[in-house]
Amino acid sequence: MATRSKATSRLILKFTEGDGAEGKAYQRSFNHFNPALTDEQIYQLGSALGALQTAHVAGIVRQDTAAIEASSPAA
């Protein structure tokens, strides 16, 4: 049986600045969020952080990561 450990979440805000071919796309990452936060909480946080920016928020992304390890068999 495998076990999950070292779980963490990352919030990625994707931005666009300018129009058409002259526009620029970029992203900002915020690391080490508690993975127990709900998607709604992450979205609200991303929206609040995005509102502080001058560029248009093109997307809010949640990225969860964890280590998967084999657990030792029961004796």
PDB file of N, CA and C in Angstrom:
ATOM      1  N   MET A   1       0.845  -1.180   0.000  1.00  0.00           N
ATOM      2  CA  MET A   1       0.000   0.000   0.000  1.00  0.00           C
ATOM      3  C   MET A   1       0.887   1.239   0.000  1.00  0.00           C
ATOM      4  N   ALA A   2       0.520   2.220  -0.739  1.00  0.00           N
ATOM      5  CA  ALA A   2       1.287   3.469  -0.819  1.00  0.00           C
ATOM      6  C   ALA A   2       0.676   4.508   0.112  1.00  0.00           C
ATOM      7  N   THR A   3       1.544   5.374   0.626  1.00  0.00           N
ATOM      8  CA  THR A   3       1.083   6.462   1.486  1.00  0.00           C
ATOM      9  C   THR A   3       1.547   7.793   0.909  1.00  0.00           C
ATOM     10  N   ARG A   4       0.778   8.815   1.206  1.00  0.00           N
ATOM     11  CA  ARG A   4       1.048  10.160   0.712  1.00  0.00           C
ATOM     12  C   ARG A   4       1.636  10.989   1.854  1.00  0.00           C
ATOM     13  N   SER A   5       2.707  11.722   1.566  1.00  0.00           N
ATOM     14  CA  SER A   5       3.311  12.574   2.593  1.00  0.00           C
ATOM     15  C   SER A   5       3.845  13.845   1.949  1.00  0.00           C
ATOM     16  N   LYS A   6       4.193  14.794   2.783  1.00  0.00           N
ATOM     17  CA  LYS A   6       4.768  16.065   2.335  1.00  0.00           C
ATOM     18  C   LYS A   6       3.862  16.780   1.337  1.00  0.00           C
ATOM     19  N   ALA A   7       2.556  16.777   1.603  1.00  0.00           N
ATOM     20  CA  ALA A   7       1.598  17.427   0.700  1.00  0.00           C
ATOM     21  C   ALA A   7       1.673  18.943   0.855  1.00  0.00           C
ATOM     22  N   THR A   8       1.585  19.632  -0.252  1.00  0.00           N
ATOM     23  CA  THR A   8       1.559  21.092  -0.265  1.00  0.00           C
ATOM     24  C   THR A   8       0.794  21.559  -1.493  1.00  0.00           C
ATOM     25  N   SER A   9       0.340  22.784  -1.459  1.00  0.00           N
ATOM     26  CA  SER A   9      -0.376  23.367  -2.589  1.00  0.00           C
ATOM     27  C   SER A   9       0.310  24.641  -3.040  1.00  0.00           C
ATOM     28  N   ARG A  10       0.171  24.930  -4.313  1.00  0.00           N
ATOM     29  CA  ARG A  10       0.720  26.147  -4.915  1.00  0.00           C
ATOM     30  C   ARG A  10      -0.407  26.872  -5.622  1.00  0.00           C
ATOM     31  N   LEU A  11      -0.413  28.189  -5.494  1.00  0.00           N
ATOM     32  CA  LEU A  11      -1.365  29.043  -6.191  1.00  0.00           C
ATOM     33  C   LEU A  11      -0.618  29.734  -7.319  1.00  0.00           C
ATOM     34  N   ILE A  12      -1.136  29.601  -8.538  1.00  0.00           N
ATOM     35  CA  ILE A  12      -0.513  30.226  -9.701  1.00  0.00           C
ATOM     36  C   ILE A  12      -1.522  31.201 -10.299  1.00  0.00           C
ATOM     37  N   LEU A  13      -1.116  32.453 -10.409  1.00  0.00           N
ATOM     38  CA  LEU A  13      -1.943  33.467 -11.061  1.00  0.00           C
ATOM     39  C   LEU A  13      -1.372  33.719 -12.443  1.00  0.00           C
ATOM     40  N   LYS A  14      -2.215  33.611 -13.467  1.00  0.00           N
ATOM     41  CA  LYS A  14      -1.793  33.867 -14.842  1.00  0.00           C
ATOM     42  C   LYS A  14      -2.340  35.226 -15.261  1.00  0.00           C
ATOM     43  N   PHE A  15      -1.471  36.046 -15.850  1.00  0.00           N
ATOM     44  CA  PHE A  15      -1.823  37.407 -16.228  1.00  0.00           C
ATOM     45  C   PHE A  15      -1.594  37.648 -17.714  1.00  0.00           C
ATOM     46  N   THR A  16      -2.337  38.598 -18.261  1.00  0.00           N
ATOM     47  CA  THR A  16      -2.068  39.121 -19.595  1.00  0.00           C
ATOM     48  C   THR A  16      -1.995  40.643 -19.470  1.00  0.00           C
ATOM     49  N   GLU A  17      -1.087  41.191 -20.217  1.00  0.00           N
ATOM     50  CA  GLU A  17      -0.882  42.635 -20.211  1.00  0.00           C
ATOM     51  C   GLU A  17      -0.798  43.094 -21.648  1.00  0.00           C
ATOM     52  N   GLY A  18      -1.588  44.062 -22.039  1.00  0.00           N
ATOM     53  CA  GLY A  18      -1.601  44.518 -23.427  1.00  0.00           C
ATOM     54  C   GLY A  18      -2.610  43.741 -24.241  1.00  0.00           C
ATOM     55  N   ASP A  19      -2.676  44.062 -25.551  1.00  0.00           N
ATOM     56  CA  ASP A  19      -3.657  43.448 -26.448  1.00  0.00           C
ATOM     57  C   ASP A  19      -2.979  42.764 -27.632  1.00  0.00           C
ATOM     58  N   GLY A  20      -3.634  41.733 -28.140  1.00  0.00           N
ATOM     59  CA  GLY A  20      -3.215  41.073 -29.379  1.00  0.00           C
ATOM     60  C   GLY A  20      -1.788  40.571 -29.359  1.00  0.00           C
ATOM     61  N   ALA A  21      -1.109  40.706 -30.509  1.00  0.00           N
ATOM     62  CA  ALA A  21       0.258  40.210 -30.656  1.00  0.00           C
ATOM     63  C   ALA A  21       1.235  40.985 -29.784  1.00  0.00           C
ATOM     64  N   GLU A  22       0.872  42.200 -29.418  1.00  0.00           N
ATOM     65  CA  GLU A  22       1.733  43.029 -28.574  1.00  0.00           C
ATOM     66  C   GLU A  22       1.586  42.678 -27.093  1.00  0.00           C
ATOM     67  N   GLY A  23       0.596  41.858 -26.770  1.00  0.00           N
ATOM     68  CA  GLY A  23       0.332  41.505 -25.377  1.00  0.00           C
ATOM     69  C   GLY A  23       1.393  40.589 -24.800  1.00  0.00           C
ATOM     70  N   LYS A  24       1.486  40.601 -23.507  1.00  0.00           N
ATOM     71  CA  LYS A  24       2.472  39.800 -22.800  1.00  0.00           C
ATOM     72  C   LYS A  24       1.744  38.929 -21.780  1.00  0.00           C
ATOM     73  N   ALA A  25       2.072  37.652 -21.742  1.00  0.00           N
ATOM     74  CA  ALA A  25       1.497  36.735 -20.760  1.00  0.00           C
ATOM     75  C   ALA A  25       2.584  36.342 -19.765  1.00  0.00           C
ATOM     76  N   TYR A  26       2.222  36.301 -18.507  1.00  0.00           N
ATOM     77  CA  TYR A  26       3.171  35.860 -17.484  1.00  0.00           C
ATOM     78  C   TYR A  26       2.391  35.307 -16.305  1.00  0.00           C
ATOM     79  N   GLN A  27       3.105  34.712 -15.363  1.00  0.00           N
ATOM     80  CA  GLN A  27       2.444  34.143 -14.197  1.00  0.00           C
ATOM     81  C   GLN A  27       3.256  34.387 -12.933  1.00  0.00           C
ATOM     82  N   ARG A  28       2.581  34.353 -11.818  1.00  0.00           N
ATOM     83  CA  ARG A  28       3.195  34.484 -10.503  1.00  0.00           C
ATOM     84  C   ARG A  28       2.773  33.270  -9.677  1.00  0.00           C
ATOM     85  N   SER A  29       3.724  32.710  -8.941  1.00  0.00           N
ATOM     86  CA  SER A  29       3.445  31.540  -8.108  1.00  0.00           C
ATOM     87  C   SER A  29       3.591  31.889  -6.632  1.00  0.00           C
ATOM     88  N   PHE A  30       2.694  31.336  -5.843  1.00  0.00           N
ATOM     89  CA  PHE A  30       2.727  31.481  -4.393  1.00  0.00           C
ATOM     90  C   PHE A  30       2.757  30.063  -3.818  1.00  0.00           C
ATOM     91  N   ASN A  31       3.810  29.717  -3.107  1.00  0.00           N
ATOM     92  CA  ASN A  31       4.052  28.339  -2.682  1.00  0.00           C
ATOM     93  C   ASN A  31       3.663  28.071  -1.233  1.00  0.00           C
ATOM     94  N   HIS A  32       3.577  26.791  -0.920  1.00  0.00           N
ATOM     95  CA  HIS A  32       3.424  26.261   0.437  1.00  0.00           C
ATOM     96  C   HIS A  32       2.112  26.639   1.115  1.00  0.00           C
ATOM     97  N   PHE A  33       1.017  26.540   0.370  1.00  0.00           N
ATOM     98  CA  PHE A  33      -0.295  26.709   0.963  1.00  0.00           C
ATOM     99  C   PHE A  33      -0.725  25.384   1.580  1.00  0.00           C
ATOM    100  N   ASN A  34      -1.510  25.457   2.614  1.00  0.00           N
ATOM    101  CA  ASN A  34      -2.026  24.267   3.268  1.00  0.00           C
ATOM    102  C   ASN A  34      -2.927  23.510   2.287  1.00  0.00           C
ATOM    103  N   PRO A  35      -2.640  22.237   2.025  1.00  0.00           N
ATOM    104  CA  PRO A  35      -3.460  21.475   1.076  1.00  0.00           C
ATOM    105  C   PRO A  35      -4.887  21.240   1.575  1.00  0.00           C
ATOM    106  N   ALA A  36      -5.152  21.522   2.854  1.00  0.00           N
ATOM    107  CA  ALA A  36      -6.502  21.365   3.387  1.00  0.00           C
ATOM    108  C   ALA A  36      -7.421  22.514   2.971  1.00  0.00           C
ATOM    109  N   LEU A  37      -6.868  23.594   2.414  1.00  0.00           N
ATOM    110  CA  LEU A  37      -7.700  24.685   1.927  1.00  0.00           C
ATOM    111  C   LEU A  37      -8.596  24.174   0.800  1.00  0.00           C
ATOM    112  N   THR A  38      -9.827  24.637   0.787  1.00  0.00           N
ATOM    113  CA  THR A  38     -10.746  24.217  -0.265  1.00  0.00           C
ATOM    114  C   THR A  38     -10.442  24.973  -1.558  1.00  0.00           C
ATOM    115  N   ASP A  39     -10.975  24.472  -2.663  1.00  0.00           N
ATOM    116  CA  ASP A  39     -10.806  25.160  -3.948  1.00  0.00           C
ATOM    117  C   ASP A  39     -11.400  26.567  -3.881  1.00  0.00           C
ATOM    118  N   GLU A  40     -12.519  26.705  -3.195  1.00  0.00           N
ATOM    119  CA  GLU A  40     -13.161  28.016  -3.059  1.00  0.00           C
ATOM    120  C   GLU A  40     -12.250  28.990  -2.303  1.00  0.00           C
ATOM    121  N   GLN A  41     -11.602  28.522  -1.249  1.00  0.00           N
ATOM    122  CA  GLN A  41     -10.691  29.380  -0.482  1.00  0.00           C
ATOM    123  C   GLN A  41      -9.489  29.801  -1.328  1.00  0.00           C
ATOM    124  N   ILE A  42      -8.945  28.868  -2.094  1.00  0.00           N
ATOM    125  CA  ILE A  42      -7.815  29.186  -2.975  1.00  0.00           C
ATOM    126  C   ILE A  42      -8.255  30.190  -4.036  1.00  0.00           C
ATOM    127  N   TYR A  43      -9.454  30.007  -4.593  1.00  0.00           N
ATOM    128  CA  TYR A  43      -9.965  30.921  -5.611  1.00  0.00           C
ATOM    129  C   TYR A  43     -10.150  32.326  -5.038  1.00  0.00           C
ATOM    130  N   GLN A  44     -10.719  32.421  -3.853  1.00  0.00           N
ATOM    131  CA  GLN A  44     -10.920  33.724  -3.219  1.00  0.00           C
ATOM    132  C   GLN A  44      -9.582  34.410  -2.948  1.00  0.00           C
ATOM    133  N   LEU A  45      -8.615  33.655  -2.502  1.00  0.00           N
ATOM    134  CA  LEU A  45      -7.285  34.202  -2.256  1.00  0.00           C
ATOM    135  C   LEU A  45      -6.654  34.679  -3.559  1.00  0.00           C
ATOM    136  N   GLY A  46      -6.760  33.871  -4.613  1.00  0.00           N
ATOM    137  CA  GLY A  46      -6.236  34.256  -5.919  1.00  0.00           C
ATOM    138  C   GLY A  46      -6.911  35.498  -6.461  1.00  0.00           C
ATOM    139  N   SER A  47      -8.221  35.591  -6.274  1.00  0.00           N
ATOM    140  CA  SER A  47      -8.961  36.774  -6.728  1.00  0.00           C
ATOM    141  C   SER A  47      -8.514  38.022  -5.978  1.00  0.00           C
ATOM    142  N   ALA A  48      -8.311  37.895  -4.674  1.00  0.00           N
ATOM    143  CA  ALA A  48      -7.877  39.035  -3.868  1.00  0.00           C
ATOM    144  C   ALA A  48      -6.468  39.482  -4.261  1.00  0.00           C
ATOM    145  N   LEU A  49      -5.568  38.532  -4.470  1.00  0.00           N
ATOM    146  CA  LEU A  49      -4.205  38.882  -4.891  1.00  0.00           C
ATOM    147  C   LEU A  49      -4.202  39.467  -6.301  1.00  0.00           C
ATOM    148  N   GLY A  50      -5.031  38.911  -7.177  1.00  0.00           N
ATOM    149  CA  GLY A  50      -5.122  39.407  -8.544  1.00  0.00           C
ATOM    150  C   GLY A  50      -5.642  40.829  -8.615  1.00  0.00           C
ATOM    151  N   ALA A  51      -6.531  41.186  -7.694  1.00  0.00           N
ATOM    152  CA  ALA A  51      -7.100  42.537  -7.669  1.00  0.00           C
ATOM    153  C   ALA A  51      -6.041  43.583  -7.328  1.00  0.00           C
ATOM    154  N   LEU A  52      -4.950  43.156  -6.719  1.00  0.00           N
ATOM    155  CA  LEU A  52      -3.871  44.082  -6.363  1.00  0.00           C
ATOM    156  C   LEU A  52      -2.938  44.363  -7.540  1.00  0.00           C
ATOM    157  N   GLN A  53      -3.101  43.630  -8.627  1.00  0.00           N
ATOM    158  CA  GLN A  53      -2.237  43.765  -9.786  1.00  0.00           C
ATOM    159  C   GLN A  53      -2.826  44.739 -10.803  1.00  0.00           C
ATOM    160  N   THR A  54      -1.972  45.294 -11.635  1.00  0.00           N
ATOM    161  CA  THR A  54      -2.457  46.179 -12.698  1.00  0.00           C
ATOM    162  C   THR A  54      -2.819  45.399 -13.952  1.00  0.00           C
ATOM    163  N   ALA A  55      -2.258  44.215 -14.132  1.00  0.00           N
ATOM    164  CA  ALA A  55      -2.532  43.385 -15.311  1.00  0.00           C
ATOM    165  C   ALA A  55      -3.839  42.613 -15.131  1.00  0.00           C
ATOM    166  N   HIS A  56      -4.415  42.153 -16.247  1.00  0.00           N
ATOM    167  CA  HIS A  56      -5.646  41.361 -16.246  1.00  0.00           C
ATOM    168  C   HIS A  56      -5.342  39.932 -15.785  1.00  0.00           C
ATOM    169  N   VAL A  57      -6.129  39.419 -14.838  1.00  0.00           N
ATOM    170  CA  VAL A  57      -5.974  38.036 -14.383  1.00  0.00           C
ATOM    171  C   VAL A  57      -6.620  37.121 -15.416  1.00  0.00           C
ATOM    172  N   ALA A  58      -5.812  36.307 -16.076  1.00  0.00           N
ATOM    173  CA  ALA A  58      -6.304  35.407 -17.114  1.00  0.00           C
ATOM    174  C   ALA A  58      -6.675  34.039 -16.553  1.00  0.00           C
ATOM    175  N   GLY A  59      -6.159  33.704 -15.365  1.00  0.00           N
ATOM    176  CA  GLY A  59      -6.485  32.412 -14.786  1.00  0.00           C
ATOM    177  C   GLY A  59      -5.938  32.258 -13.388  1.00  0.00           C
ATOM    178  N   ILE A  60      -6.619  31.426 -12.608  1.00  0.00           N
ATOM    179  CA  ILE A  60      -6.185  31.072 -11.264  1.00  0.00           C
ATOM    180  C   ILE A  60      -6.038  29.563 -11.254  1.00  0.00           C
ATOM    181  N   VAL A  61      -4.852  29.081 -10.884  1.00  0.00           N
ATOM    182  CA  VAL A  61      -4.559  27.648 -10.943  1.00  0.00           C
ATOM    183  C   VAL A  61      -4.114  27.163  -9.568  1.00  0.00           C
ATOM    184  N   ARG A  62      -4.613  26.013  -9.186  1.00  0.00           N
ATOM    185  CA  ARG A  62      -4.155  25.351  -7.962  1.00  0.00           C
ATOM    186  C   ARG A  62      -3.350  24.136  -8.393  1.00  0.00           C
ATOM    187  N   GLN A  63      -2.179  23.979  -7.789  1.00  0.00           N
ATOM    188  CA  GLN A  63      -1.333  22.828  -8.112  1.00  0.00           C
ATOM    189  C   GLN A  63      -0.969  22.134  -6.797  1.00  0.00           C
ATOM    190  N   ASP A  64      -1.433  20.902  -6.617  1.00  0.00           N
ATOM    191  CA  ASP A  64      -1.142  20.127  -5.421  1.00  0.00           C
ATOM    192  C   ASP A  64      -0.014  19.146  -5.714  1.00  0.00           C
ATOM    193  N   THR A  65       0.912  19.027  -4.763  1.00  0.00           N
ATOM    194  CA  THR A  65       2.008  18.063  -4.904  1.00  0.00           C
ATOM    195  C   THR A  65       2.159  17.278  -3.603  1.00  0.00           C
ATOM    196  N   ALA A  66       2.631  16.065  -3.735  1.00  0.00           N
ATOM    197  CA  ALA A  66       2.880  15.214  -2.569  1.00  0.00           C
ATOM    198  C   ALA A  66       3.843  14.112  -2.965  1.00  0.00           C
ATOM    199  N   ALA A  67       4.551  13.604  -1.990  1.00  0.00           N
ATOM    200  CA  ALA A  67       5.414  12.447  -2.198  1.00  0.00           C
ATOM    201  C   ALA A  67       4.575  11.198  -1.975  1.00  0.00           C
ATOM    202  N   ILE A  68       4.768  10.205  -2.828  1.00  0.00           N
ATOM    203  CA  ILE A  68       4.090   8.917  -2.674  1.00  0.00           C
ATOM    204  C   ILE A  68       5.157   7.877  -2.368  1.00  0.00           C
ATOM    205  N   GLU A  69       4.982   7.206  -1.239  1.00  0.00           N
ATOM    206  CA  GLU A  69       5.979   6.238  -0.798  1.00  0.00           C
ATOM    207  C   GLU A  69       5.313   4.911  -0.461  1.00  0.00           C
ATOM    208  N   ALA A  70       6.055   3.851  -0.621  1.00  0.00           N
ATOM    209  CA  ALA A  70       5.548   2.529  -0.246  1.00  0.00           C
ATOM    210  C   ALA A  70       5.541   2.435   1.267  1.00  0.00           C
ATOM    211  N   SER A  71       4.459   1.968   1.812  1.00  0.00           N
ATOM    212  CA  SER A  71       4.401   1.782   3.261  1.00  0.00           C
ATOM    213  C   SER A  71       4.846   0.379   3.574  1.00  0.00           C
ATOM    214  N   SER A  72       5.375   0.202   4.770  1.00  0.00           N
ATOM    215  CA  SER A  72       5.856  -1.128   5.162  1.00  0.00           C
ATOM    216  C   SER A  72       4.674  -2.052   5.450  1.00  0.00           C
ATOM    217  N   PRO A  73       4.785  -3.309   5.076  1.00  0.00           N
ATOM    218  CA  PRO A  73       3.678  -4.251   5.322  1.00  0.00           C
ATOM    219  C   PRO A  73       3.476  -4.482   6.806  1.00  0.00           C
ATOM    220  N   ALA A  74       2.236  -4.731   7.191  1.00  0.00           N
ATOM    221  CA  ALA A  74       1.916  -5.003   8.603  1.00  0.00           C
ATOM    222  C   ALA A  74       2.516  -6.337   8.987  1.00  0.00           C
ATOM    223  N   ALA A  75       3.029  -6.400  10.202  1.00  0.00           N
ATOM    224  CA  ALA A  75       3.679  -7.629  10.677  1.00  0.00           C
ATOM    225  C   ALA A  75       2.690  -8.574  11.289  1.00  0.00           C
TER     226      ALA A  75
END
